[in-house]
Amino acid sequence: MSKNPEIGYHKTDSYNEDSIKAISESYQKILTAIGENPHREGLLKTPERAAKALQFLTHGYDLDASEILRSAMFKEDYSQMVIVKDIEVYSMCEHHMLPFFGKAHIAYIPNGHIVGLSKIPRVVDAFARRLQVQERLTNEIRDCIQDTLKPAGVAVVIECKHMCMSMRGIQKQNSSTTTSAFTGEFENDKTRSEFLRLITAHLA
């Protein structure tokens, strides 16, 4: 555990040491295979650093998204749309293991229960911090909220840039991908249109 003197908080890094060792050894072989010297000064600690980074970037496998929601569910007589928008998304494409990133916009219509607002971004992280495709990520977030909260409807829209399109392959720098998933009341054109209008609005 270390303390950052500039901002005064304690940071704890926790890793599975057996996994770090195995992944580090694999990265050392990869460095050799691409023609690098893993024993030169600049790369001596790279396999371990990369292993720790990969473990962090995929720590969503250890998270239970439904339990995250259940930990802050409250009975409440509120039945209007609740929106959390511009949630940062960072994930890894399972086809090339390159990042994709962007924003998620999520809404639900309570049906007897609401949830602590911070839990919705945590659900996004629980699924995003895995090897993913954006289409499945969108559906997993939708299904988790629907199955756990049992709301009158859920809406999820995700907009991302994919490094597997920008850095390799077709190499299109400005392309982005939008996916959406809806349940219940959001399958109604009027409700869905209201949600889409609100997530694109810039409220003062």
N, C-alpha and C. Protein backbone atom coordinates (compact mmCIF):
# COMPACT_ATOMS: atom_id res chain seq x y z
N MET A 1 0.85 -1.19 0.00
CA MET A 1 0.00 0.00 0.00
C MET A 1 0.88 1.24 0.00
N SER A 2 0.56 2.20 -0.87
CA SER A 2 1.38 3.39 -0.96
C SER A 2 0.50 4.63 -0.87
N LYS A 3 1.08 5.71 -0.37
CA LYS A 3 0.34 6.96 -0.22
C LYS A 3 0.88 7.98 -1.20
N ASN A 4 -0.04 8.60 -1.92
CA ASN A 4 0.32 9.67 -2.84
C ASN A 4 0.32 10.98 -2.06
N PRO A 5 1.47 11.60 -1.84
CA PRO A 5 1.53 12.79 -0.99
C PRO A 5 0.83 13.99 -1.59
N GLU A 6 0.67 14.00 -2.93
CA GLU A 6 0.07 15.16 -3.57
C GLU A 6 -1.42 15.23 -3.32
N ILE A 7 -2.10 14.08 -3.29
CA ILE A 7 -3.55 14.11 -3.11
C ILE A 7 -4.01 13.35 -1.87
N GLY A 8 -3.09 12.77 -1.15
CA GLY A 8 -3.38 12.27 0.18
C GLY A 8 -4.28 11.07 0.29
N TYR A 9 -4.18 10.13 -0.64
CA TYR A 9 -4.98 8.92 -0.48
C TYR A 9 -4.09 7.70 -0.54
N HIS A 10 -4.61 6.62 -0.02
CA HIS A 10 -3.87 5.36 -0.03
C HIS A 10 -4.32 4.52 -1.21
N LYS A 11 -3.37 3.99 -1.94
CA LYS A 11 -3.65 3.15 -3.09
C LYS A 11 -3.19 1.73 -2.80
N THR A 12 -4.06 0.78 -3.03
CA THR A 12 -3.71 -0.62 -2.82
C THR A 12 -3.83 -1.37 -4.14
N ASP A 13 -2.76 -1.97 -4.60
CA ASP A 13 -2.78 -2.79 -5.80
C ASP A 13 -2.79 -4.26 -5.38
N SER A 14 -3.77 -4.99 -5.88
CA SER A 14 -3.89 -6.39 -5.51
C SER A 14 -3.92 -7.23 -6.78
N TYR A 15 -3.03 -8.21 -6.87
CA TYR A 15 -2.94 -9.04 -8.05
C TYR A 15 -2.85 -10.51 -7.65
N ASN A 16 -3.25 -11.37 -8.56
CA ASN A 16 -3.07 -12.80 -8.39
C ASN A 16 -1.65 -13.13 -8.83
N GLU A 17 -0.79 -13.40 -7.88
CA GLU A 17 0.63 -13.55 -8.19
C GLU A 17 0.91 -14.72 -9.12
N ASP A 18 0.17 -15.82 -8.98
CA ASP A 18 0.38 -16.96 -9.88
C ASP A 18 0.06 -16.59 -11.32
N SER A 19 -1.03 -15.83 -11.50
CA SER A 19 -1.41 -15.40 -12.84
C SER A 19 -0.39 -14.42 -13.40
N ILE A 20 0.06 -13.50 -12.55
CA ILE A 20 1.05 -12.52 -13.01
C ILE A 20 2.32 -13.22 -13.48
N LYS A 21 2.75 -14.23 -12.75
CA LYS A 21 3.97 -14.96 -13.14
C LYS A 21 3.78 -15.65 -14.49
N ALA A 22 2.63 -16.33 -14.66
CA ALA A 22 2.39 -17.06 -15.90
C ALA A 22 2.26 -16.10 -17.09
N ILE A 23 1.53 -15.00 -16.91
CA ILE A 23 1.35 -14.04 -17.99
C ILE A 23 2.67 -13.35 -18.32
N SER A 24 3.45 -13.03 -17.29
CA SER A 24 4.76 -12.39 -17.51
C SER A 24 5.66 -13.27 -18.37
N GLU A 25 5.68 -14.56 -18.08
CA GLU A 25 6.51 -15.48 -18.85
C GLU A 25 6.06 -15.52 -20.31
N SER A 26 4.75 -15.45 -20.51
CA SER A 26 4.23 -15.43 -21.89
C SER A 26 4.62 -14.15 -22.61
N TYR A 27 4.55 -13.02 -21.93
CA TYR A 27 4.95 -11.76 -22.56
C TYR A 27 6.43 -11.75 -22.90
N GLN A 28 7.24 -12.37 -22.06
CA GLN A 28 8.67 -12.44 -22.36
C GLN A 28 8.90 -13.22 -23.66
N LYS A 29 8.14 -14.29 -23.85
CA LYS A 29 8.25 -15.07 -25.09
C LYS A 29 7.76 -14.26 -26.29
N ILE A 30 6.71 -13.47 -26.08
CA ILE A 30 6.19 -12.63 -27.16
C ILE A 30 7.22 -11.60 -27.58
N LEU A 31 7.87 -10.97 -26.60
CA LEU A 31 8.90 -9.98 -26.93
C LEU A 31 10.02 -10.61 -27.77
N THR A 32 10.41 -11.81 -27.41
CA THR A 32 11.44 -12.51 -28.17
C THR A 32 10.95 -12.83 -29.58
N ALA A 33 9.68 -13.26 -29.68
CA ALA A 33 9.12 -13.67 -30.96
C ALA A 33 9.00 -12.51 -31.95
N ILE A 34 8.81 -11.28 -31.45
CA ILE A 34 8.70 -10.15 -32.37
C ILE A 34 10.05 -9.53 -32.70
N GLY A 35 11.12 -10.13 -32.16
CA GLY A 35 12.46 -9.67 -32.49
C GLY A 35 13.09 -8.74 -31.47
N GLU A 36 12.47 -8.61 -30.31
CA GLU A 36 13.01 -7.75 -29.26
C GLU A 36 13.91 -8.55 -28.33
N ASN A 37 14.65 -7.81 -27.53
CA ASN A 37 15.50 -8.43 -26.50
C ASN A 37 14.88 -8.14 -25.14
N PRO A 38 14.18 -9.10 -24.54
CA PRO A 38 13.51 -8.85 -23.26
C PRO A 38 14.47 -8.59 -22.11
N HIS A 39 15.76 -8.73 -22.35
CA HIS A 39 16.75 -8.52 -21.29
C HIS A 39 17.41 -7.15 -21.37
N ARG A 40 17.04 -6.36 -22.37
CA ARG A 40 17.62 -5.01 -22.41
C ARG A 40 16.94 -4.14 -21.35
N GLU A 41 17.63 -3.09 -20.95
CA GLU A 41 17.22 -2.31 -19.78
C GLU A 41 15.77 -1.84 -19.85
N GLY A 42 15.35 -1.31 -20.98
CA GLY A 42 14.01 -0.76 -21.08
C GLY A 42 12.89 -1.77 -21.01
N LEU A 43 13.23 -3.05 -21.21
CA LEU A 43 12.21 -4.10 -21.25
C LEU A 43 12.28 -5.06 -20.07
N LEU A 44 13.22 -4.84 -19.16
CA LEU A 44 13.41 -5.81 -18.08
C LEU A 44 12.13 -6.03 -17.27
N LYS A 45 11.40 -4.96 -16.98
CA LYS A 45 10.20 -5.09 -16.16
C LYS A 45 8.92 -5.05 -16.99
N THR A 46 9.06 -4.97 -18.30
CA THR A 46 7.87 -4.86 -19.16
C THR A 46 6.95 -6.08 -19.06
N PRO A 47 7.45 -7.31 -19.07
CA PRO A 47 6.52 -8.44 -18.97
C PRO A 47 5.66 -8.40 -17.71
N GLU A 48 6.25 -8.04 -16.57
CA GLU A 48 5.47 -7.97 -15.34
C GLU A 48 4.48 -6.81 -15.38
N ARG A 49 4.94 -5.65 -15.89
CA ARG A 49 4.03 -4.51 -15.98
C ARG A 49 2.85 -4.82 -16.90
N ALA A 50 3.16 -5.45 -18.04
CA ALA A 50 2.10 -5.79 -18.99
C ALA A 50 1.13 -6.81 -18.40
N ALA A 51 1.66 -7.75 -17.64
CA ALA A 51 0.81 -8.75 -17.00
C ALA A 51 -0.14 -8.11 -16.00
N LYS A 52 0.39 -7.18 -15.20
CA LYS A 52 -0.46 -6.49 -14.23
C LYS A 52 -1.50 -5.62 -14.93
N ALA A 53 -1.09 -4.97 -16.03
CA ALA A 53 -2.04 -4.16 -16.78
C ALA A 53 -3.16 -5.03 -17.34
N LEU A 54 -2.81 -6.18 -17.91
CA LEU A 54 -3.82 -7.06 -18.48
C LEU A 54 -4.77 -7.58 -17.41
N GLN A 55 -4.21 -7.91 -16.24
CA GLN A 55 -5.08 -8.39 -15.17
C GLN A 55 -6.05 -7.31 -14.72
N PHE A 56 -5.59 -6.06 -14.65
CA PHE A 56 -6.49 -4.97 -14.31
C PHE A 56 -7.54 -4.76 -15.38
N LEU A 57 -7.13 -4.77 -16.64
CA LEU A 57 -8.05 -4.52 -17.74
C LEU A 57 -9.11 -5.60 -17.89
N THR A 58 -8.89 -6.75 -17.29
CA THR A 58 -9.86 -7.85 -17.38
C THR A 58 -10.40 -8.26 -16.01
N HIS A 59 -10.33 -7.35 -15.03
CA HIS A 59 -10.77 -7.72 -13.68
C HIS A 59 -12.28 -7.86 -13.56
N GLY A 60 -13.01 -7.54 -14.62
CA GLY A 60 -14.45 -7.71 -14.59
C GLY A 60 -14.89 -9.15 -14.42
N TYR A 61 -14.03 -10.10 -14.79
CA TYR A 61 -14.38 -11.51 -14.60
C TYR A 61 -14.58 -11.86 -13.13
N ASP A 62 -13.99 -11.07 -12.25
CA ASP A 62 -14.11 -11.32 -10.81
C ASP A 62 -15.26 -10.56 -10.17
N LEU A 63 -16.03 -9.81 -10.96
CA LEU A 63 -17.11 -8.99 -10.42
C LEU A 63 -18.47 -9.59 -10.75
N ASP A 64 -19.38 -9.50 -9.79
CA ASP A 64 -20.77 -9.95 -9.98
C ASP A 64 -21.63 -8.71 -10.17
N ALA A 65 -22.00 -8.44 -11.41
CA ALA A 65 -22.72 -7.21 -11.71
C ALA A 65 -24.09 -7.17 -11.03
N SER A 66 -24.76 -8.29 -10.95
CA SER A 66 -26.07 -8.32 -10.28
C SER A 66 -25.94 -8.00 -8.80
N GLU A 67 -24.89 -8.51 -8.18
CA GLU A 67 -24.67 -8.23 -6.76
C GLU A 67 -24.35 -6.76 -6.54
N ILE A 68 -23.67 -6.15 -7.49
CA ILE A 68 -23.39 -4.72 -7.40
C ILE A 68 -24.71 -3.95 -7.31
N LEU A 69 -25.67 -4.30 -8.14
CA LEU A 69 -26.97 -3.62 -8.10
C LEU A 69 -27.72 -3.93 -6.81
N ARG A 70 -27.72 -5.20 -6.41
CA ARG A 70 -28.49 -5.60 -5.22
C ARG A 70 -27.94 -4.93 -3.95
N SER A 71 -26.68 -4.53 -3.97
CA SER A 71 -26.08 -3.93 -2.78
C SER A 71 -26.63 -2.53 -2.49
N ALA A 72 -27.34 -1.95 -3.45
CA ALA A 72 -27.85 -0.59 -3.24
C ALA A 72 -29.23 -0.42 -3.87
N MET A 73 -30.10 -1.40 -3.67
CA MET A 73 -31.47 -1.31 -4.14
C MET A 73 -32.36 -0.78 -3.02
N PHE A 74 -33.25 0.14 -3.38
CA PHE A 74 -34.13 0.76 -2.38
C PHE A 74 -35.56 0.79 -2.91
N LYS A 75 -36.50 0.51 -2.04
CA LYS A 75 -37.90 0.64 -2.41
C LYS A 75 -38.23 2.13 -2.54
N GLU A 76 -38.87 2.47 -3.64
CA GLU A 76 -39.20 3.87 -3.87
C GLU A 76 -40.36 3.97 -4.85
N ASP A 77 -41.32 4.85 -4.52
CA ASP A 77 -42.48 5.05 -5.38
C ASP A 77 -42.15 6.11 -6.42
N TYR A 78 -41.36 5.73 -7.40
CA TYR A 78 -40.97 6.64 -8.47
C TYR A 78 -41.04 5.85 -9.77
N SER A 79 -41.73 6.39 -10.76
CA SER A 79 -41.97 5.61 -11.98
C SER A 79 -41.64 6.38 -13.25
N GLN A 80 -40.79 7.41 -13.13
CA GLN A 80 -40.35 8.14 -14.31
C GLN A 80 -38.95 7.68 -14.72
N MET A 81 -38.54 8.09 -15.88
CA MET A 81 -37.27 7.66 -16.43
C MET A 81 -36.09 8.16 -15.60
N VAL A 82 -35.14 7.26 -15.33
CA VAL A 82 -33.88 7.61 -14.67
C VAL A 82 -32.76 7.36 -15.68
N ILE A 83 -31.98 8.40 -15.96
CA ILE A 83 -30.93 8.30 -16.97
C ILE A 83 -29.57 8.60 -16.35
N VAL A 84 -28.60 7.75 -16.63
CA VAL A 84 -27.20 8.05 -16.33
C VAL A 84 -26.48 8.02 -17.67
N LYS A 85 -25.99 9.19 -18.10
CA LYS A 85 -25.39 9.25 -19.43
C LYS A 85 -23.92 9.63 -19.37
N ASP A 86 -23.27 9.48 -20.49
CA ASP A 86 -21.84 9.80 -20.63
C ASP A 86 -20.97 9.01 -19.66
N ILE A 87 -21.30 7.73 -19.47
CA ILE A 87 -20.49 6.84 -18.64
C ILE A 87 -19.29 6.38 -19.47
N GLU A 88 -18.10 6.62 -18.99
CA GLU A 88 -16.91 6.22 -19.74
C GLU A 88 -16.81 4.69 -19.82
N VAL A 89 -16.50 4.22 -21.01
CA VAL A 89 -16.35 2.79 -21.27
C VAL A 89 -14.94 2.52 -21.77
N TYR A 90 -14.27 1.57 -21.14
CA TYR A 90 -12.97 1.10 -21.60
C TYR A 90 -13.02 -0.42 -21.63
N SER A 91 -12.79 -1.00 -22.79
CA SER A 91 -12.85 -2.45 -22.89
C SER A 91 -11.79 -2.95 -23.87
N MET A 92 -11.76 -4.27 -24.06
CA MET A 92 -10.77 -4.90 -24.94
C MET A 92 -11.50 -5.78 -25.94
N CYS A 93 -11.25 -5.53 -27.22
CA CYS A 93 -11.83 -6.36 -28.28
C CYS A 93 -11.30 -7.79 -28.16
N GLU A 94 -12.21 -8.75 -28.13
CA GLU A 94 -11.77 -10.14 -27.95
C GLU A 94 -11.14 -10.72 -29.22
N HIS A 95 -11.31 -10.06 -30.36
CA HIS A 95 -10.77 -10.60 -31.60
C HIS A 95 -9.29 -10.26 -31.78
N HIS A 96 -8.88 -9.07 -31.32
CA HIS A 96 -7.49 -8.66 -31.51
C HIS A 96 -6.81 -8.24 -30.21
N MET A 97 -7.58 -8.24 -29.11
CA MET A 97 -7.08 -7.79 -27.80
C MET A 97 -6.51 -6.38 -27.89
N LEU A 98 -7.23 -5.52 -28.62
CA LEU A 98 -6.93 -4.10 -28.68
C LEU A 98 -8.08 -3.33 -28.03
N PRO A 99 -7.81 -2.14 -27.51
CA PRO A 99 -8.85 -1.42 -26.76
C PRO A 99 -9.97 -0.91 -27.66
N PHE A 100 -11.15 -0.82 -27.09
CA PHE A 100 -12.18 0.06 -27.62
C PHE A 100 -12.74 0.87 -26.46
N PHE A 101 -13.15 2.09 -26.76
CA PHE A 101 -13.53 2.99 -25.67
C PHE A 101 -14.54 4.02 -26.17
N GLY A 102 -15.31 4.54 -25.24
CA GLY A 102 -16.31 5.54 -25.60
C GLY A 102 -17.21 5.84 -24.42
N LYS A 103 -18.51 5.95 -24.69
CA LYS A 103 -19.47 6.31 -23.65
C LYS A 103 -20.71 5.44 -23.72
N ALA A 104 -21.29 5.21 -22.54
CA ALA A 104 -22.56 4.49 -22.45
C ALA A 104 -23.61 5.42 -21.88
N HIS A 105 -24.83 5.28 -22.36
CA HIS A 105 -25.98 6.04 -21.87
C HIS A 105 -27.04 5.02 -21.47
N ILE A 106 -27.45 5.06 -20.21
CA ILE A 106 -28.33 4.02 -19.67
C ILE A 106 -29.51 4.65 -18.97
N ALA A 107 -30.68 4.08 -19.20
CA ALA A 107 -31.89 4.54 -18.51
C ALA A 107 -32.71 3.33 -18.07
N TYR A 108 -33.46 3.54 -17.00
CA TYR A 108 -34.45 2.54 -16.60
C TYR A 108 -35.66 3.27 -16.02
N ILE A 109 -36.79 2.58 -16.05
CA ILE A 109 -38.03 3.12 -15.48
C ILE A 109 -38.36 2.26 -14.27
N PRO A 110 -38.21 2.80 -13.06
CA PRO A 110 -38.40 2.00 -11.84
C PRO A 110 -39.80 1.39 -11.75
N ASN A 111 -39.85 0.24 -11.13
CA ASN A 111 -41.11 -0.46 -10.91
C ASN A 111 -41.12 -0.95 -9.46
N GLY A 112 -40.98 0.00 -8.52
CA GLY A 112 -40.97 -0.35 -7.11
C GLY A 112 -39.61 -0.22 -6.46
N HIS A 113 -38.53 -0.25 -7.26
CA HIS A 113 -37.18 -0.15 -6.72
C HIS A 113 -36.34 0.80 -7.57
N ILE A 114 -35.49 1.57 -6.89
CA ILE A 114 -34.45 2.33 -7.55
C ILE A 114 -33.10 1.77 -7.08
N VAL A 115 -32.03 2.25 -7.72
CA VAL A 115 -30.70 1.77 -7.35
C VAL A 115 -29.78 2.97 -7.20
N GLY A 116 -28.80 2.87 -6.29
CA GLY A 116 -27.82 3.93 -6.15
C GLY A 116 -27.18 4.25 -7.49
N LEU A 117 -27.12 5.53 -7.84
CA LEU A 117 -26.71 5.92 -9.19
C LEU A 117 -25.29 5.47 -9.53
N SER A 118 -24.40 5.40 -8.55
CA SER A 118 -23.03 5.00 -8.84
C SER A 118 -22.93 3.54 -9.24
N LYS A 119 -23.96 2.76 -8.93
CA LYS A 119 -23.91 1.33 -9.23
C LYS A 119 -24.06 1.06 -10.72
N ILE A 120 -24.71 1.95 -11.44
CA ILE A 120 -24.89 1.72 -12.88
C ILE A 120 -23.56 1.81 -13.62
N PRO A 121 -22.73 2.84 -13.38
CA PRO A 121 -21.39 2.81 -13.98
C PRO A 121 -20.56 1.61 -13.54
N ARG A 122 -20.76 1.16 -12.31
CA ARG A 122 -20.01 -0.02 -11.84
C ARG A 122 -20.43 -1.28 -12.61
N VAL A 123 -21.71 -1.36 -12.95
CA VAL A 123 -22.17 -2.49 -13.77
C VAL A 123 -21.53 -2.43 -15.16
N VAL A 124 -21.44 -1.22 -15.71
CA VAL A 124 -20.77 -1.06 -17.00
C VAL A 124 -19.34 -1.58 -16.92
N ASP A 125 -18.61 -1.19 -15.88
CA ASP A 125 -17.23 -1.65 -15.71
C ASP A 125 -17.14 -3.16 -15.53
N ALA A 126 -18.08 -3.73 -14.79
CA ALA A 126 -18.04 -5.17 -14.53
C ALA A 126 -18.06 -5.97 -15.82
N PHE A 127 -18.81 -5.49 -16.81
CA PHE A 127 -18.87 -6.20 -18.09
C PHE A 127 -17.82 -5.70 -19.08
N ALA A 128 -17.48 -4.42 -19.01
CA ALA A 128 -16.51 -3.87 -19.96
C ALA A 128 -15.10 -4.36 -19.69
N ARG A 129 -14.76 -4.59 -18.42
CA ARG A 129 -13.40 -5.01 -18.07
C ARG A 129 -13.24 -6.51 -18.27
N ARG A 130 -13.56 -6.93 -19.48
CA ARG A 130 -13.40 -8.32 -19.92
C ARG A 130 -13.07 -8.27 -21.41
N LEU A 131 -12.68 -9.39 -21.98
CA LEU A 131 -12.57 -9.44 -23.43
C LEU A 131 -13.99 -9.42 -23.98
N GLN A 132 -14.27 -8.49 -24.90
CA GLN A 132 -15.65 -8.21 -25.27
C GLN A 132 -15.81 -7.96 -26.76
N VAL A 133 -17.06 -7.97 -27.17
CA VAL A 133 -17.51 -7.31 -28.39
C VAL A 133 -18.58 -6.31 -27.95
N GLN A 134 -18.67 -5.19 -28.63
CA GLN A 134 -19.57 -4.13 -28.18
C GLN A 134 -21.03 -4.58 -28.17
N GLU A 135 -21.39 -5.42 -29.11
CA GLU A 135 -22.78 -5.88 -29.18
C GLU A 135 -23.17 -6.67 -27.93
N ARG A 136 -22.29 -7.59 -27.53
CA ARG A 136 -22.59 -8.39 -26.34
C ARG A 136 -22.55 -7.54 -25.08
N LEU A 137 -21.59 -6.63 -25.01
CA LEU A 137 -21.50 -5.73 -23.86
C LEU A 137 -22.81 -4.97 -23.67
N THR A 138 -23.38 -4.47 -24.74
CA THR A 138 -24.64 -3.72 -24.68
C THR A 138 -25.76 -4.59 -24.12
N ASN A 139 -25.87 -5.81 -24.63
CA ASN A 139 -26.92 -6.72 -24.16
C ASN A 139 -26.72 -7.16 -22.72
N GLU A 140 -25.47 -7.40 -22.33
CA GLU A 140 -25.21 -7.85 -20.96
C GLU A 140 -25.60 -6.79 -19.93
N ILE A 141 -25.31 -5.53 -20.23
CA ILE A 141 -25.69 -4.45 -19.33
C ILE A 141 -27.21 -4.36 -19.24
N ARG A 142 -27.86 -4.38 -20.38
CA ARG A 142 -29.33 -4.34 -20.40
C ARG A 142 -29.95 -5.48 -19.60
N ASP A 143 -29.49 -6.69 -19.86
CA ASP A 143 -30.09 -7.87 -19.21
C ASP A 143 -29.86 -7.87 -17.71
N CYS A 144 -28.67 -7.44 -17.29
CA CYS A 144 -28.37 -7.41 -15.85
C CYS A 144 -29.31 -6.47 -15.12
N ILE A 145 -29.50 -5.27 -15.65
CA ILE A 145 -30.39 -4.30 -15.00
C ILE A 145 -31.83 -4.78 -15.03
N GLN A 146 -32.25 -5.33 -16.17
CA GLN A 146 -33.63 -5.82 -16.27
C GLN A 146 -33.89 -6.98 -15.31
N ASP A 147 -32.99 -7.95 -15.28
CA ASP A 147 -33.21 -9.15 -14.46
C ASP A 147 -33.09 -8.87 -12.96
N THR A 148 -32.27 -7.89 -12.59
CA THR A 148 -32.03 -7.63 -11.17
C THR A 148 -33.03 -6.63 -10.59
N LEU A 149 -33.24 -5.51 -11.26
CA LEU A 149 -34.14 -4.48 -10.74
C LEU A 149 -35.61 -4.75 -11.07
N LYS A 150 -35.84 -5.53 -12.13
CA LYS A 150 -37.21 -5.78 -12.63
C LYS A 150 -37.94 -4.46 -12.91
N PRO A 151 -37.31 -3.54 -13.64
CA PRO A 151 -37.95 -2.26 -13.93
C PRO A 151 -38.99 -2.41 -15.04
N ALA A 152 -39.70 -1.30 -15.32
CA ALA A 152 -40.67 -1.31 -16.41
C ALA A 152 -39.99 -1.27 -17.77
N GLY A 153 -38.71 -0.95 -17.78
CA GLY A 153 -37.96 -0.95 -19.03
C GLY A 153 -36.54 -0.49 -18.82
N VAL A 154 -35.67 -0.90 -19.73
CA VAL A 154 -34.25 -0.53 -19.70
C VAL A 154 -33.84 -0.10 -21.10
N ALA A 155 -32.99 0.93 -21.17
CA ALA A 155 -32.42 1.37 -22.43
C ALA A 155 -30.92 1.52 -22.28
N VAL A 156 -30.18 1.01 -23.26
CA VAL A 156 -28.72 1.12 -23.26
C VAL A 156 -28.27 1.53 -24.66
N VAL A 157 -27.48 2.59 -24.73
CA VAL A 157 -26.83 2.99 -25.97
C VAL A 157 -25.34 3.15 -25.68
N ILE A 158 -24.50 2.54 -26.51
CA ILE A 158 -23.05 2.64 -26.34
C ILE A 158 -22.44 3.13 -27.65
N GLU A 159 -21.55 4.12 -27.53
CA GLU A 159 -20.83 4.67 -28.68
C GLU A 159 -19.34 4.50 -28.42
N CYS A 160 -18.63 3.82 -29.31
CA CYS A 160 -17.21 3.54 -29.06
C CYS A 160 -16.37 3.67 -30.33
N LYS A 161 -15.10 3.97 -30.11
CA LYS A 161 -14.07 3.88 -31.14
C LYS A 161 -13.26 2.60 -30.87
N HIS A 162 -12.93 1.90 -31.95
CA HIS A 162 -12.25 0.61 -31.83
C HIS A 162 -10.85 0.71 -32.43
N MET A 163 -9.84 0.44 -31.60
CA MET A 163 -8.47 0.52 -32.08
C MET A 163 -8.16 -0.55 -33.13
N CYS A 164 -8.92 -1.63 -33.16
CA CYS A 164 -8.69 -2.65 -34.19
C CYS A 164 -9.09 -2.14 -35.57
N MET A 165 -9.90 -1.05 -35.61
CA MET A 165 -10.23 -0.40 -36.87
C MET A 165 -9.31 0.78 -37.16
N SER A 166 -8.80 1.43 -36.11
CA SER A 166 -8.00 2.64 -36.29
C SER A 166 -6.51 2.35 -36.47
N MET A 167 -5.99 1.36 -35.71
CA MET A 167 -4.56 1.10 -35.70
C MET A 167 -4.13 0.04 -36.70
N ARG A 168 -5.07 -0.81 -37.14
CA ARG A 168 -4.73 -1.91 -38.04
C ARG A 168 -5.91 -2.08 -39.01
N GLY A 169 -5.87 -3.13 -39.79
CA GLY A 169 -7.00 -3.42 -40.67
C GLY A 169 -7.31 -2.27 -41.61
N ILE A 170 -8.53 -1.77 -41.54
CA ILE A 170 -8.99 -0.73 -42.46
C ILE A 170 -8.40 0.64 -42.13
N GLN A 171 -7.92 0.84 -40.91
CA GLN A 171 -7.22 2.06 -40.47
C GLN A 171 -8.04 3.33 -40.73
N LYS A 172 -9.26 3.33 -40.29
CA LYS A 172 -10.13 4.50 -40.38
C LYS A 172 -10.16 5.19 -39.02
N GLN A 173 -9.57 6.38 -38.95
CA GLN A 173 -9.31 7.03 -37.67
C GLN A 173 -10.55 7.61 -37.01
N ASN A 174 -11.53 8.02 -37.79
CA ASN A 174 -12.65 8.77 -37.23
C ASN A 174 -13.95 7.97 -37.16
N SER A 175 -13.89 6.69 -37.44
CA SER A 175 -15.11 5.88 -37.40
C SER A 175 -15.46 5.53 -35.95
N SER A 176 -16.75 5.42 -35.70
CA SER A 176 -17.22 4.99 -34.39
C SER A 176 -18.38 4.02 -34.58
N THR A 177 -18.68 3.28 -33.54
CA THR A 177 -19.73 2.27 -33.60
C THR A 177 -20.75 2.54 -32.50
N THR A 178 -22.02 2.52 -32.86
CA THR A 178 -23.10 2.71 -31.90
C THR A 178 -23.96 1.45 -31.84
N THR A 179 -24.20 0.99 -30.61
CA THR A 179 -25.09 -0.15 -30.41
C THR A 179 -26.16 0.24 -29.40
N SER A 180 -27.30 -0.42 -29.48
CA SER A 180 -28.40 -0.11 -28.57
C SER A 180 -29.16 -1.37 -28.22
N ALA A 181 -29.82 -1.33 -27.06
CA ALA A 181 -30.64 -2.45 -26.61
C ALA A 181 -31.73 -1.90 -25.70
N PHE A 182 -32.96 -2.41 -25.86
CA PHE A 182 -34.10 -1.89 -25.13
C PHE A 182 -34.98 -3.03 -24.62
N THR A 183 -35.65 -2.77 -23.51
CA THR A 183 -36.67 -3.70 -23.01
C THR A 183 -37.90 -2.89 -22.58
N GLY A 184 -39.01 -3.59 -22.44
CA GLY A 184 -40.21 -3.02 -21.83
C GLY A 184 -40.68 -1.73 -22.47
N GLU A 185 -40.88 -0.71 -21.64
CA GLU A 185 -41.44 0.57 -22.10
C GLU A 185 -40.59 1.24 -23.17
N PHE A 186 -39.30 0.92 -23.21
CA PHE A 186 -38.43 1.56 -24.19
C PHE A 186 -38.59 0.96 -25.58
N GLU A 187 -39.36 -0.11 -25.69
CA GLU A 187 -39.68 -0.63 -27.01
C GLU A 187 -40.81 0.17 -27.66
N ASN A 188 -41.42 1.05 -26.86
CA ASN A 188 -42.42 1.99 -27.36
C ASN A 188 -41.71 3.17 -28.03
N ASP A 189 -42.12 3.52 -29.23
CA ASP A 189 -41.43 4.56 -30.00
C ASP A 189 -41.36 5.88 -29.24
N LYS A 190 -42.44 6.28 -28.57
CA LYS A 190 -42.48 7.56 -27.88
C LYS A 190 -41.48 7.59 -26.73
N THR A 191 -41.45 6.55 -25.93
CA THR A 191 -40.53 6.49 -24.78
C THR A 191 -39.09 6.43 -25.25
N ARG A 192 -38.83 5.61 -26.27
CA ARG A 192 -37.47 5.49 -26.78
C ARG A 192 -37.00 6.82 -27.37
N SER A 193 -37.88 7.53 -28.07
CA SER A 193 -37.52 8.82 -28.65
C SER A 193 -37.19 9.84 -27.57
N GLU A 194 -37.95 9.80 -26.46
CA GLU A 194 -37.66 10.72 -25.35
C GLU A 194 -36.28 10.43 -24.77
N PHE A 195 -35.96 9.17 -24.59
CA PHE A 195 -34.65 8.79 -24.07
C PHE A 195 -33.54 9.27 -25.01
N LEU A 196 -33.69 9.03 -26.31
CA LEU A 196 -32.67 9.43 -27.26
C LEU A 196 -32.52 10.95 -27.31
N ARG A 197 -33.62 11.67 -27.16
CA ARG A 197 -33.56 13.13 -27.14
C ARG A 197 -32.80 13.60 -25.89
N LEU A 198 -33.07 12.99 -24.76
CA LEU A 198 -32.44 13.43 -23.51
C LEU A 198 -30.94 13.13 -23.47
N ILE A 199 -30.52 12.03 -24.04
CA ILE A 199 -29.09 11.71 -23.97
C ILE A 199 -28.28 12.57 -24.94
N THR A 200 -28.94 13.19 -25.90
CA THR A 200 -28.22 14.08 -26.81
C THR A 200 -28.39 15.55 -26.45
N ALA A 201 -29.24 15.82 -25.45
CA ALA A 201 -29.49 17.20 -25.05
C ALA A 201 -28.35 17.69 -24.15
N HIS A 202 -28.07 18.96 -24.24
CA HIS A 202 -27.09 19.60 -23.36
C HIS A 202 -27.86 20.50 -22.41
N LEU A 203 -28.16 19.97 -21.22
CA LEU A 203 -28.98 20.71 -20.27
C LEU A 203 -28.12 21.70 -19.50
N ALA A 204 -28.66 22.90 -19.25
CA ALA A 204 -27.91 23.92 -18.53
C ALA A 204 -27.83 23.57 -17.06
